[in-house]
Amino acid sequence: MTSLLVRPNEPDTQGKVLEVTPASAGWDHVGFRVHKLTQGQQIEGNTGEREHCLVLLSGRATVTSGEHRWEDIGERMDIFEKVPPYAVYLPDGVAFSVEATTDMELAVCSAPGHGNHEPRLIAPHQIKQSTRGGGTNTRHIQDILPETEPADSLLVVEVYTPAGNWSSYPPHKHDVDNLPEESILEETYYHRLNPSQGFAFQRVYTDDRSLDETMAVENGCCVMVPRGYHPVGAPHGYELYYLNVMAGPKREWKFQNDPAHDWIVRQ
């Protein structure tokens, strides 16, 4: 079993099915977990020293933090409806609660916070949608918390990869402090497949191959990317979704393609 692949478990008392912490990942910035909540179930927490982005992957919920209350938000009942989700940004140092008003799936993304921002709702109409690549390298993007929107550390984005296509491709990396050419960002990939019995492949590798792992990812798996290139392939017949969470010393996404494969985008 690869150390970079995290598989989901049965829900605990808080509905948690998957968790990556800086301690479990062996890095400094990204935290990620997923809760599957039944209608009426409520979870409470405190952001501590970490800013949070709560992404309603599917279903509806009421989210409360201090004087802020967002009642019965949520529009997407299934991830593969492909409409942008509702999300809530929370700074470090605040308490919050989430009450499921339908059965729901919640992603909790976190990274170090510095108290620079207020809690806010991120509504679907605020989320930019775009398409990258072409041919069998086409994928569709929904930017939940991009560089252009205020946060201290977090970058959060959804990607839909059509069946038979490649994504995060050509292979690219962001593990060197060399701005403006490249930045250091840890990253998690939370994978979902449609139909759910499907699978996809993700490789994580470095130039010197000191890290080189290829994983078969199934519905609900998470892949940790501490460094290196990290392409993803979706087999014929199975559409792939993933939620990316990135964070590092600087909140800038600058990457370098693998020189061996960079010709693909320079034709």
C-alpha atoms as a PDB file:
ATOM      1  CA  MET A   1       0.000   0.000   0.000  1.00  0.00           C
ATOM      2  CA  THR A   2       1.418   3.357  -1.009  1.00  0.00           C
ATOM      3  CA  SER A   3       1.879   5.948   1.695  1.00  0.00           C
ATOM      4  CA  LEU A   4       0.402   8.649  -0.569  1.00  0.00           C
ATOM      5  CA  LEU A   5      -3.011   7.011  -0.982  1.00  0.00           C
ATOM      6  CA  VAL A   6      -5.667   7.567   1.700  1.00  0.00           C
ATOM      7  CA  ARG A   7      -8.790   5.421   1.478  1.00  0.00           C
ATOM      8  CA  PRO A   8     -12.158   6.336   2.992  1.00  0.00           C
ATOM      9  CA  ASN A   9     -13.577   4.623   6.060  1.00  0.00           C
ATOM     10  CA  GLU A  10     -17.088   4.132   7.379  1.00  0.00           C
ATOM     11  CA  PRO A  11     -18.455   7.353   8.944  1.00  0.00           C
ATOM     12  CA  ASP A  12     -17.547   7.920  12.595  1.00  0.00           C
ATOM     13  CA  THR A  13     -19.850   9.675  15.076  1.00  0.00           C
ATOM     14  CA  GLN A  14     -19.117  12.983  13.344  1.00  0.00           C
ATOM     15  CA  GLY A  15     -19.705  11.523   9.899  1.00  0.00           C
ATOM     16  CA  LYS A  16     -15.997  11.734   9.102  1.00  0.00           C
ATOM     17  CA  VAL A  17     -14.915   9.268   6.419  1.00  0.00           C
ATOM     18  CA  LEU A  18     -11.457  10.552   5.500  1.00  0.00           C
ATOM     19  CA  GLU A  19      -8.813  12.845   6.988  1.00  0.00           C
ATOM     20  CA  VAL A  20      -5.375  14.162   6.072  1.00  0.00           C
ATOM     21  CA  THR A  21      -3.559  16.293   8.642  1.00  0.00           C
ATOM     22  CA  PRO A  22      -0.120  17.907   8.413  1.00  0.00           C
ATOM     23  CA  ALA A  23       1.045  15.331  10.959  1.00  0.00           C
ATOM     24  CA  SER A  24      -0.327  12.340   9.048  1.00  0.00           C
ATOM     25  CA  ALA A  25       0.994  13.674   5.735  1.00  0.00           C
ATOM     26  CA  GLY A  26       4.384  14.683   7.111  1.00  0.00           C
ATOM     27  CA  TRP A  27       4.137  18.235   5.824  1.00  0.00           C
ATOM     28  CA  ASP A  28       3.373  21.727   7.111  1.00  0.00           C
ATOM     29  CA  HIS A  29       0.327  23.267   5.472  1.00  0.00           C
ATOM     30  CA  VAL A  30      -2.584  21.347   3.954  1.00  0.00           C
ATOM     31  CA  GLY A  31      -5.332  19.724   5.996  1.00  0.00           C
ATOM     32  CA  PHE A  32      -8.312  17.969   4.448  1.00  0.00           C
ATOM     33  CA  ARG A  33     -11.216  15.866   5.616  1.00  0.00           C
ATOM     34  CA  VAL A  34     -14.598  14.686   4.370  1.00  0.00           C
ATOM     35  CA  HIS A  35     -17.813  14.238   6.367  1.00  0.00           C
ATOM     36  CA  LYS A  36     -20.920  12.398   5.204  1.00  0.00           C
ATOM     37  CA  LEU A  37     -23.806  13.705   7.279  1.00  0.00           C
ATOM     38  CA  THR A  38     -27.389  12.502   7.451  1.00  0.00           C
ATOM     39  CA  GLN A  39     -30.291  14.951   7.479  1.00  0.00           C
ATOM     40  CA  GLY A  40     -30.429  16.678  10.869  1.00  0.00           C
ATOM     41  CA  GLN A  41     -26.904  15.686  11.888  1.00  0.00           C
ATOM     42  CA  GLN A  42     -24.751  18.540  13.210  1.00  0.00           C
ATOM     43  CA  ILE A  43     -21.031  18.918  13.717  1.00  0.00           C
ATOM     44  CA  GLU A  44     -19.224  21.672  15.611  1.00  0.00           C
ATOM     45  CA  GLY A  45     -15.622  22.793  15.519  1.00  0.00           C
ATOM     46  CA  ASN A  46     -13.103  25.558  15.922  1.00  0.00           C
ATOM     47  CA  THR A  47     -10.675  26.625  13.237  1.00  0.00           C
ATOM     48  CA  GLY A  48      -7.844  27.099  15.773  1.00  0.00           C
ATOM     49  CA  GLU A  49      -4.746  28.413  14.040  1.00  0.00           C
ATOM     50  CA  ARG A  50      -5.980  27.378  10.593  1.00  0.00           C
ATOM     51  CA  GLU A  51      -8.239  29.078   8.090  1.00  0.00           C
ATOM     52  CA  HIS A  52     -10.931  26.788   6.657  1.00  0.00           C
ATOM     53  CA  CYS A  53     -12.893  26.474   3.455  1.00  0.00           C
ATOM     54  CA  LEU A  54     -16.036  24.390   3.909  1.00  0.00           C
ATOM     55  CA  VAL A  55     -17.151  23.001   0.541  1.00  0.00           C
ATOM     56  CA  LEU A  56     -20.639  21.546   0.225  1.00  0.00           C
ATOM     57  CA  LEU A  57     -19.804  18.729  -2.159  1.00  0.00           C
ATOM     58  CA  SER A  58     -23.457  17.677  -2.305  1.00  0.00           C
ATOM     59  CA  GLY A  59     -26.618  18.347  -0.336  1.00  0.00           C
ATOM     60  CA  ARG A  60     -27.739  21.285   1.775  1.00  0.00           C
ATOM     61  CA  ALA A  61     -26.758  22.634   5.201  1.00  0.00           C
ATOM     62  CA  THR A  62     -26.981  25.552   7.582  1.00  0.00           C
ATOM     63  CA  VAL A  63     -23.550  26.912   8.495  1.00  0.00           C
ATOM     64  CA  THR A  64     -23.059  29.160  11.527  1.00  0.00           C
ATOM     65  CA  SER A  65     -19.997  31.020  12.804  1.00  0.00           C
ATOM     66  CA  GLY A  66     -20.469  33.676  15.478  1.00  0.00           C
ATOM     67  CA  GLU A  67     -22.920  36.279  14.180  1.00  0.00           C
ATOM     68  CA  HIS A  68     -22.748  34.790  10.694  1.00  0.00           C
ATOM     69  CA  ARG A  69     -25.427  32.313   9.674  1.00  0.00           C
ATOM     70  CA  TRP A  70     -26.043  30.909   6.217  1.00  0.00           C
ATOM     71  CA  GLU A  71     -29.399  29.156   6.233  1.00  0.00           C
ATOM     72  CA  ASP A  72     -30.104  26.019   4.192  1.00  0.00           C
ATOM     73  CA  ILE A  73     -27.443  26.658   1.552  1.00  0.00           C
ATOM     74  CA  GLY A  74     -26.619  24.180  -1.160  1.00  0.00           C
ATOM     75  CA  GLU A  75     -27.864  23.523  -4.655  1.00  0.00           C
ATOM     76  CA  ARG A  76     -25.889  20.565  -5.958  1.00  0.00           C
ATOM     77  CA  MET A  77     -27.404  17.276  -4.888  1.00  0.00           C
ATOM     78  CA  ASP A  78     -24.796  15.222  -6.736  1.00  0.00           C
ATOM     79  CA  ILE A  79     -21.182  16.155  -7.516  1.00  0.00           C
ATOM     80  CA  PHE A  80     -21.622  15.130 -11.141  1.00  0.00           C
ATOM     81  CA  GLU A  81     -24.381  17.664 -11.733  1.00  0.00           C
ATOM     82  CA  LYS A  82     -21.313  19.870 -12.374  1.00  0.00           C
ATOM     83  CA  VAL A  83     -22.905  23.076 -11.102  1.00  0.00           C
ATOM     84  CA  PRO A  84     -20.553  25.061  -8.832  1.00  0.00           C
ATOM     85  CA  PRO A  85     -20.928  24.320  -5.122  1.00  0.00           C
ATOM     86  CA  TYR A  86     -21.658  26.560  -2.188  1.00  0.00           C
ATOM     87  CA  ALA A  87     -18.678  27.071   0.124  1.00  0.00           C
ATOM     88  CA  VAL A  88     -17.926  29.042   3.295  1.00  0.00           C
ATOM     89  CA  TYR A  89     -14.587  30.678   4.099  1.00  0.00           C
ATOM     90  CA  LEU A  90     -13.683  30.836   7.797  1.00  0.00           C
ATOM     91  CA  PRO A  91     -10.585  32.547   9.219  1.00  0.00           C
ATOM     92  CA  ASP A  92      -8.490  31.080  11.997  1.00  0.00           C
ATOM     93  CA  GLY A  93      -9.705  31.479  15.570  1.00  0.00           C
ATOM     94  CA  VAL A  94     -13.465  31.070  15.100  1.00  0.00           C
ATOM     95  CA  ALA A  95     -16.031  28.489  16.176  1.00  0.00           C
ATOM     96  CA  PHE A  96     -18.464  27.063  13.645  1.00  0.00           C
ATOM     97  CA  SER A  97     -21.243  24.535  13.224  1.00  0.00           C
ATOM     98  CA  VAL A  98     -22.676  22.717  10.229  1.00  0.00           C
ATOM     99  CA  GLU A  99     -26.186  21.221  10.346  1.00  0.00           C
ATOM    100  CA  ALA A 100     -27.228  19.019   7.446  1.00  0.00           C
ATOM    101  CA  THR A 101     -30.692  19.991   6.160  1.00  0.00           C
ATOM    102  CA  THR A 102     -30.521  17.068   3.724  1.00  0.00           C
ATOM    103  CA  ASP A 103     -28.140  14.161   3.558  1.00  0.00           C
ATOM    104  CA  MET A 104     -24.899  15.806   2.515  1.00  0.00           C
ATOM    105  CA  GLU A 105     -21.188  15.485   1.888  1.00  0.00           C
ATOM    106  CA  LEU A 106     -18.885  18.169   3.272  1.00  0.00           C
ATOM    107  CA  ALA A 107     -15.214  18.800   2.524  1.00  0.00           C
ATOM    108  CA  VAL A 108     -13.227  20.687   5.171  1.00  0.00           C
ATOM    109  CA  CYS A 109     -10.082  22.251   3.680  1.00  0.00           C
ATOM    110  CA  SER A 110      -7.593  23.997   5.961  1.00  0.00           C
ATOM    111  CA  ALA A 111      -4.191  25.676   6.070  1.00  0.00           C
ATOM    112  CA  PRO A 112      -2.359  28.131   8.348  1.00  0.00           C
ATOM    113  CA  GLY A 113      -4.293  31.357   8.873  1.00  0.00           C
ATOM    114  CA  HIS A 114      -3.164  34.811   9.929  1.00  0.00           C
ATOM    115  CA  GLY A 115      -6.445  36.490  10.910  1.00  0.00           C
ATOM    116  CA  ASN A 116      -6.596  38.728   7.865  1.00  0.00           C
ATOM    117  CA  HIS A 117     -10.114  37.966   6.618  1.00  0.00           C
ATOM    118  CA  GLU A 118     -13.738  37.756   7.733  1.00  0.00           C
ATOM    119  CA  PRO A 119     -16.051  34.744   7.382  1.00  0.00           C
ATOM    120  CA  ARG A 120     -17.913  34.816   4.082  1.00  0.00           C
ATOM    121  CA  LEU A 121     -20.168  32.808   1.831  1.00  0.00           C
ATOM    122  CA  ILE A 122     -18.803  31.717  -1.536  1.00  0.00           C
ATOM    123  CA  ALA A 123     -21.875  31.343  -3.746  1.00  0.00           C
ATOM    124  CA  PRO A 124     -22.015  29.411  -7.031  1.00  0.00           C
ATOM    125  CA  HIS A 125     -22.284  32.576  -9.142  1.00  0.00           C
ATOM    126  CA  GLN A 126     -18.949  33.768  -7.694  1.00  0.00           C
ATOM    127  CA  ILE A 127     -17.094  30.645  -8.843  1.00  0.00           C
ATOM    128  CA  LYS A 128     -15.361  30.978 -12.200  1.00  0.00           C
ATOM    129  CA  GLN A 129     -15.801  28.068 -14.608  1.00  0.00           C
ATOM    130  CA  SER A 130     -13.339  27.378 -17.419  1.00  0.00           C
ATOM    131  CA  THR A 131     -12.049  24.635 -19.709  1.00  0.00           C
ATOM    132  CA  ARG A 132      -8.381  23.774 -20.135  1.00  0.00           C
ATOM    133  CA  GLY A 133      -6.566  21.687 -22.699  1.00  0.00           C
ATOM    134  CA  GLY A 134      -7.948  20.064 -25.816  1.00  0.00           C
ATOM    135  CA  GLY A 135      -8.686  16.631 -27.253  1.00  0.00           C
ATOM    136  CA  THR A 136      -8.054  13.893 -24.703  1.00  0.00           C
ATOM    137  CA  ASN A 137      -6.392  16.469 -22.439  1.00  0.00           C
ATOM    138  CA  THR A 138      -9.613  18.462 -21.958  1.00  0.00           C
ATOM    139  CA  ARG A 139     -10.811  19.091 -18.406  1.00  0.00           C
ATOM    140  CA  HIS A 140     -13.292  21.477 -16.809  1.00  0.00           C
ATOM    141  CA  ILE A 141     -12.410  23.770 -13.885  1.00  0.00           C
ATOM    142  CA  GLN A 142     -14.435  25.383 -11.081  1.00  0.00           C
ATOM    143  CA  ASP A 143     -12.309  27.796  -9.025  1.00  0.00           C
ATOM    144  CA  ILE A 144     -13.727  27.872  -5.496  1.00  0.00           C
ATOM    145  CA  LEU A 145     -10.895  29.772  -3.772  1.00  0.00           C
ATOM    146  CA  PRO A 146      -8.326  30.924  -6.360  1.00  0.00           C
ATOM    147  CA  GLU A 147      -5.432  33.335  -5.904  1.00  0.00           C
ATOM    148  CA  THR A 148      -7.665  36.222  -6.995  1.00  0.00           C
ATOM    149  CA  GLU A 149      -9.952  35.781  -3.975  1.00  0.00           C
ATOM    150  CA  PRO A 150      -8.915  36.705  -0.414  1.00  0.00           C
ATOM    151  CA  ALA A 151      -7.365  34.076   1.866  1.00  0.00           C
ATOM    152  CA  ASP A 152      -4.120  33.656   3.792  1.00  0.00           C
ATOM    153  CA  SER A 153      -2.915  30.261   2.512  1.00  0.00           C
ATOM    154  CA  LEU A 154      -5.639  28.174   0.893  1.00  0.00           C
ATOM    155  CA  LEU A 155      -6.203  27.476  -2.787  1.00  0.00           C
ATOM    156  CA  VAL A 156      -9.233  25.280  -3.583  1.00  0.00           C
ATOM    157  CA  VAL A 157     -10.419  24.112  -7.009  1.00  0.00           C
ATOM    158  CA  GLU A 158     -12.653  21.424  -8.549  1.00  0.00           C
ATOM    159  CA  VAL A 159     -11.740  19.596 -11.767  1.00  0.00           C
ATOM    160  CA  TYR A 160     -13.916  17.382 -13.963  1.00  0.00           C
ATOM    161  CA  THR A 161     -12.033  15.081 -16.329  1.00  0.00           C
ATOM    162  CA  PRO A 162     -14.145  13.406 -19.047  1.00  0.00           C
ATOM    163  CA  ALA A 163     -13.925   9.636 -19.425  1.00  0.00           C
ATOM    164  CA  GLY A 164     -10.825   8.593 -21.366  1.00  0.00           C
ATOM    165  CA  ASN A 165      -9.028  11.906 -20.740  1.00  0.00           C
ATOM    166  CA  TRP A 166      -5.908  12.981 -18.876  1.00  0.00           C
ATOM    167  CA  SER A 167      -5.708  15.743 -16.302  1.00  0.00           C
ATOM    168  CA  SER A 168      -2.975  17.626 -14.431  1.00  0.00           C
ATOM    169  CA  TYR A 169      -1.252  16.925 -17.716  1.00  0.00           C
ATOM    170  CA  PRO A 170       1.376  17.328 -19.084  1.00  0.00           C
ATOM    171  CA  PRO A 171       2.843  16.345 -15.726  1.00  0.00           C
ATOM    172  CA  HIS A 172       3.661  19.448 -13.690  1.00  0.00           C
ATOM    173  CA  LYS A 173       5.131  20.184 -10.285  1.00  0.00           C
ATOM    174  CA  HIS A 174       5.261  23.021  -7.766  1.00  0.00           C
ATOM    175  CA  ASP A 175       7.917  22.088  -5.187  1.00  0.00           C
ATOM    176  CA  VAL A 176      10.732  24.651  -5.625  1.00  0.00           C
ATOM    177  CA  ASP A 177      10.882  28.173  -4.174  1.00  0.00           C
ATOM    178  CA  ASN A 178      11.791  29.915  -7.401  1.00  0.00           C
ATOM    179  CA  LEU A 179       9.182  32.620  -7.941  1.00  0.00           C
ATOM    180  CA  PRO A 180       8.005  33.880 -10.323  1.00  0.00           C
ATOM    181  CA  GLU A 181       8.750  30.627 -12.205  1.00  0.00           C
ATOM    182  CA  GLU A 182       7.723  28.088  -9.545  1.00  0.00           C
ATOM    183  CA  SER A 183       6.289  28.020  -6.030  1.00  0.00           C
ATOM    184  CA  ILE A 184       6.139  25.437  -3.242  1.00  0.00           C
ATOM    185  CA  LEU A 185       2.642  24.060  -2.686  1.00  0.00           C
ATOM    186  CA  GLU A 186       1.534  20.886  -0.954  1.00  0.00           C
ATOM    187  CA  GLU A 187      -1.583  19.378  -2.514  1.00  0.00           C
ATOM    188  CA  THR A 188      -4.347  16.857  -1.957  1.00  0.00           C
ATOM    189  CA  TYR A 189      -6.563  15.264  -4.617  1.00  0.00           C
ATOM    190  CA  TYR A 190      -9.961  14.021  -3.453  1.00  0.00           C
ATOM    191  CA  HIS A 191     -11.260  11.693  -6.163  1.00  0.00           C
ATOM    192  CA  ARG A 192     -14.793  10.737  -7.162  1.00  0.00           C
ATOM    193  CA  LEU A 193     -15.805   8.501 -10.069  1.00  0.00           C
ATOM    194  CA  ASN A 194     -18.951   8.343 -12.187  1.00  0.00           C
ATOM    195  CA  PRO A 195     -20.188   5.584 -12.222  1.00  0.00           C
ATOM    196  CA  SER A 196     -18.961   5.071  -8.676  1.00  0.00           C
ATOM    197  CA  GLN A 197     -17.518   1.585  -9.225  1.00  0.00           C
ATOM    198  CA  GLY A 198     -14.868   3.066 -11.522  1.00  0.00           C
ATOM    199  CA  PHE A 199     -11.203   3.775 -11.000  1.00  0.00           C
ATOM    200  CA  ALA A 200      -8.515   6.134 -12.276  1.00  0.00           C
ATOM    201  CA  PHE A 201      -4.746   6.294 -12.093  1.00  0.00           C
ATOM    202  CA  GLN A 202      -2.469   8.927 -10.566  1.00  0.00           C
ATOM    203  CA  ARG A 203       1.302   8.953 -10.648  1.00  0.00           C
ATOM    204  CA  VAL A 204       3.462  11.074  -8.307  1.00  0.00           C
ATOM    205  CA  TYR A 205       7.141  11.225  -9.238  1.00  0.00           C
ATOM    206  CA  THR A 206      10.246  13.402  -9.046  1.00  0.00           C
ATOM    207  CA  ASP A 207      12.974  14.034 -11.618  1.00  0.00           C
ATOM    208  CA  ASP A 208      15.416  11.739  -9.824  1.00  0.00           C
ATOM    209  CA  ARG A 209      12.668   9.123  -9.151  1.00  0.00           C
ATOM    210  CA  SER A 210      13.414   9.170  -5.431  1.00  0.00           C
ATOM    211  CA  LEU A 211       9.624   9.436  -5.286  1.00  0.00           C
ATOM    212  CA  ASP A 212       7.772   7.454  -7.949  1.00  0.00           C
ATOM    213  CA  GLU A 213       4.400   5.950  -7.054  1.00  0.00           C
ATOM    214  CA  THR A 214       1.485   5.069  -9.320  1.00  0.00           C
ATOM    215  CA  MET A 215      -1.858   4.535  -7.634  1.00  0.00           C
ATOM    216  CA  ALA A 216      -5.187   3.103  -8.708  1.00  0.00           C
ATOM    217  CA  VAL A 217      -7.650   5.509  -7.115  1.00  0.00           C
ATOM    218  CA  GLU A 218     -11.239   4.537  -6.455  1.00  0.00           C
ATOM    219  CA  ASN A 219     -14.304   6.528  -5.546  1.00  0.00           C
ATOM    220  CA  GLY A 220     -13.650   8.534  -2.363  1.00  0.00           C
ATOM    221  CA  CYS A 221      -9.871   8.090  -2.268  1.00  0.00           C
ATOM    222  CA  CYS A 222      -7.468  10.942  -1.551  1.00  0.00           C
ATOM    223  CA  VAL A 223      -3.931  11.257  -2.935  1.00  0.00           C
ATOM    224  CA  MET A 224      -1.307  13.353  -1.147  1.00  0.00           C
ATOM    225  CA  VAL A 225       1.213  15.220  -3.301  1.00  0.00           C
ATOM    226  CA  PRO A 226       4.110  16.422  -1.127  1.00  0.00           C
ATOM    227  CA  ARG A 227       6.328  17.118  -4.143  1.00  0.00           C
ATOM    228  CA  GLY A 228       6.901  16.041  -7.713  1.00  0.00           C
ATOM    229  CA  TYR A 229       4.824  15.698 -10.854  1.00  0.00           C
ATOM    230  CA  HIS A 230       1.299  14.317 -10.438  1.00  0.00           C
ATOM    231  CA  PRO A 231      -0.686  13.491 -13.624  1.00  0.00           C
ATOM    232  CA  VAL A 232      -4.072  11.743 -13.560  1.00  0.00           C
ATOM    233  CA  GLY A 233      -5.730   9.488 -16.141  1.00  0.00           C
ATOM    234  CA  ALA A 234      -9.423   8.545 -16.362  1.00  0.00           C
ATOM    235  CA  PRO A 235     -10.249   5.251 -18.125  1.00  0.00           C
ATOM    236  CA  HIS A 236     -12.849   4.929 -20.857  1.00  0.00           C
ATOM    237  CA  GLY A 237     -16.356   4.863 -19.424  1.00  0.00           C
ATOM    238  CA  TYR A 238     -15.564   6.602 -16.123  1.00  0.00           C
ATOM    239  CA  GLU A 239     -15.761  10.336 -15.566  1.00  0.00           C
ATOM    240  CA  LEU A 240     -13.402  11.660 -12.904  1.00  0.00           C
ATOM    241  CA  TYR A 241     -13.922  14.495 -10.427  1.00  0.00           C
ATOM    242  CA  TYR A 242     -11.324  15.740  -8.010  1.00  0.00           C
ATOM    243  CA  LEU A 243     -11.170  18.477  -5.418  1.00  0.00           C
ATOM    244  CA  ASN A 244      -7.709  20.021  -5.089  1.00  0.00           C
ATOM    245  CA  VAL A 245      -6.492  21.734  -1.930  1.00  0.00           C
ATOM    246  CA  MET A 246      -3.136  23.523  -2.128  1.00  0.00           C
ATOM    247  CA  ALA A 247      -1.133  25.595   0.352  1.00  0.00           C
ATOM    248  CA  GLY A 248       2.476  26.510   0.963  1.00  0.00           C
ATOM    249  CA  PRO A 249       4.781  29.249   2.265  1.00  0.00           C
ATOM    250  CA  LYS A 250       3.406  31.703  -0.328  1.00  0.00           C
ATOM    251  CA  ARG A 251      -0.092  31.784  -1.785  1.00  0.00           C
ATOM    252  CA  GLU A 252       0.942  31.619  -5.417  1.00  0.00           C
ATOM    253  CA  TRP A 253       0.405  28.783  -7.894  1.00  0.00           C
ATOM    254  CA  LYS A 254       3.366  28.715 -10.265  1.00  0.00           C
ATOM    255  CA  PHE A 255       4.317  25.360 -11.765  1.00  0.00           C
ATOM    256  CA  GLN A 256       6.794  23.760 -14.119  1.00  0.00           C
ATOM    257  CA  ASN A 257       5.975  21.019 -16.615  1.00  0.00           C
ATOM    258  CA  ASP A 258       8.135  17.903 -16.799  1.00  0.00           C
ATOM    259  CA  PRO A 259      10.685  18.873 -19.508  1.00  0.00           C
ATOM    260  CA  ALA A 260      10.359  15.408 -21.069  1.00  0.00           C
ATOM    261  CA  HIS A 261       6.665  16.020 -21.772  1.00  0.00           C
ATOM    262  CA  ASP A 262       6.458  19.787 -22.180  1.00  0.00           C
ATOM    263  CA  TRP A 263       6.423  19.367 -25.986  1.00  0.00           C
ATOM    264  CA  ILE A 264       2.784  18.316 -25.699  1.00  0.00           C
ATOM    265  CA  VAL A 265       1.667  21.891 -25.034  1.00  0.00           C
ATOM    266  CA  ARG A 266       4.148  23.469 -27.439  1.00  0.00           C
ATOM    267  CA  GLN A 267       2.963  21.837 -30.656  1.00  0.00           C
END
